[in-house]
Amino acid sequence: MKLNRFFLVVGLMVVSSVLSGCLYPQDRLKENQVPYLDQLEAVQSSVDQYREASGGLLPIKDRDMETPIYQKYPIDFNKLSPRYIQEPPGTAFESGGVYLYVLVDVEEDPKVKLIDLRVAEQIRDINIRIDMYKRSNNGYAPIKEVINDQAFKLDWEKLGYESEPFAESPISGKNLPFVLNSEGQAQLDYSIDLYDFLQEHEHNYKPGDDIRDIIVEHSVFVPAFSLAYTVDENNEPVFLNKE
């Protein structure tokens, strides 16, 4: 239910962005889809200034404690603008962009990262189809294959798709598939990106560890809308089974 509420908010945000996008020329719209590092740095600086001036408080919106960790701390630009930053960056959804600016590591060293709302919109559309299917099939989702207790492959034909849908990874640009979680919600499968990051970066992960933070450490994006992953005996990413 918490995830459904998040996607409802995301849906409203995306609609708002689309409507406001009608007011922008095409070159401005293209600019709002590119995560410029200088914009990230400007937001990071404003967050640091706000934190120092407020005695350690963070400029974030309130979210339920059960909100998934990478979506849990969205930046509230109303608390930053105009004192610490003139206005939200063009890539932020508040300015007609496609990214949600969030904070990670809020207890120790808050860092600004991004969520691609286009992925959120794709997942929302898939979840609508899943819910419609479940209502017509005694509450059962169209599962094609069980991966483990936490992850399942979907039967896309039963959901009305002619072929399996994919999302372009905001991290690598590669096509990523979707899976179903144990709560009946679609999630993005980051296995491809995680495999690449495990090969490219030194790490000390062992089986049982959640390895998603390797993306957070080496990317401007967070692996939002994802299940937990760990490594197997071959140091390859697999879905983490909860005990």
Foldseek 3Di string as FASTA:
>chain_A
DQVLVVLVVLVVLVVLLVVVCVVDDPVLQVVLADDDPVLQVLVQQLQVVLCVVVVRDGQFDCGDPPPPQQPGTFGDCVSRPPPSPPGRDSNDSVNSHQWTWGWPPSPPRTGIAIDGSVVSVVQSVLLVLQVVLCVVPVNDGQFDADQDQFKTAHDVVSSPDPDFDWDQDPWPRDTWGWIATNVGGIATDCQVVLQVLQVVDDDDFDPPDFSQCSCVVPTRHGRPRHATWGADPVRGIDGHDDD
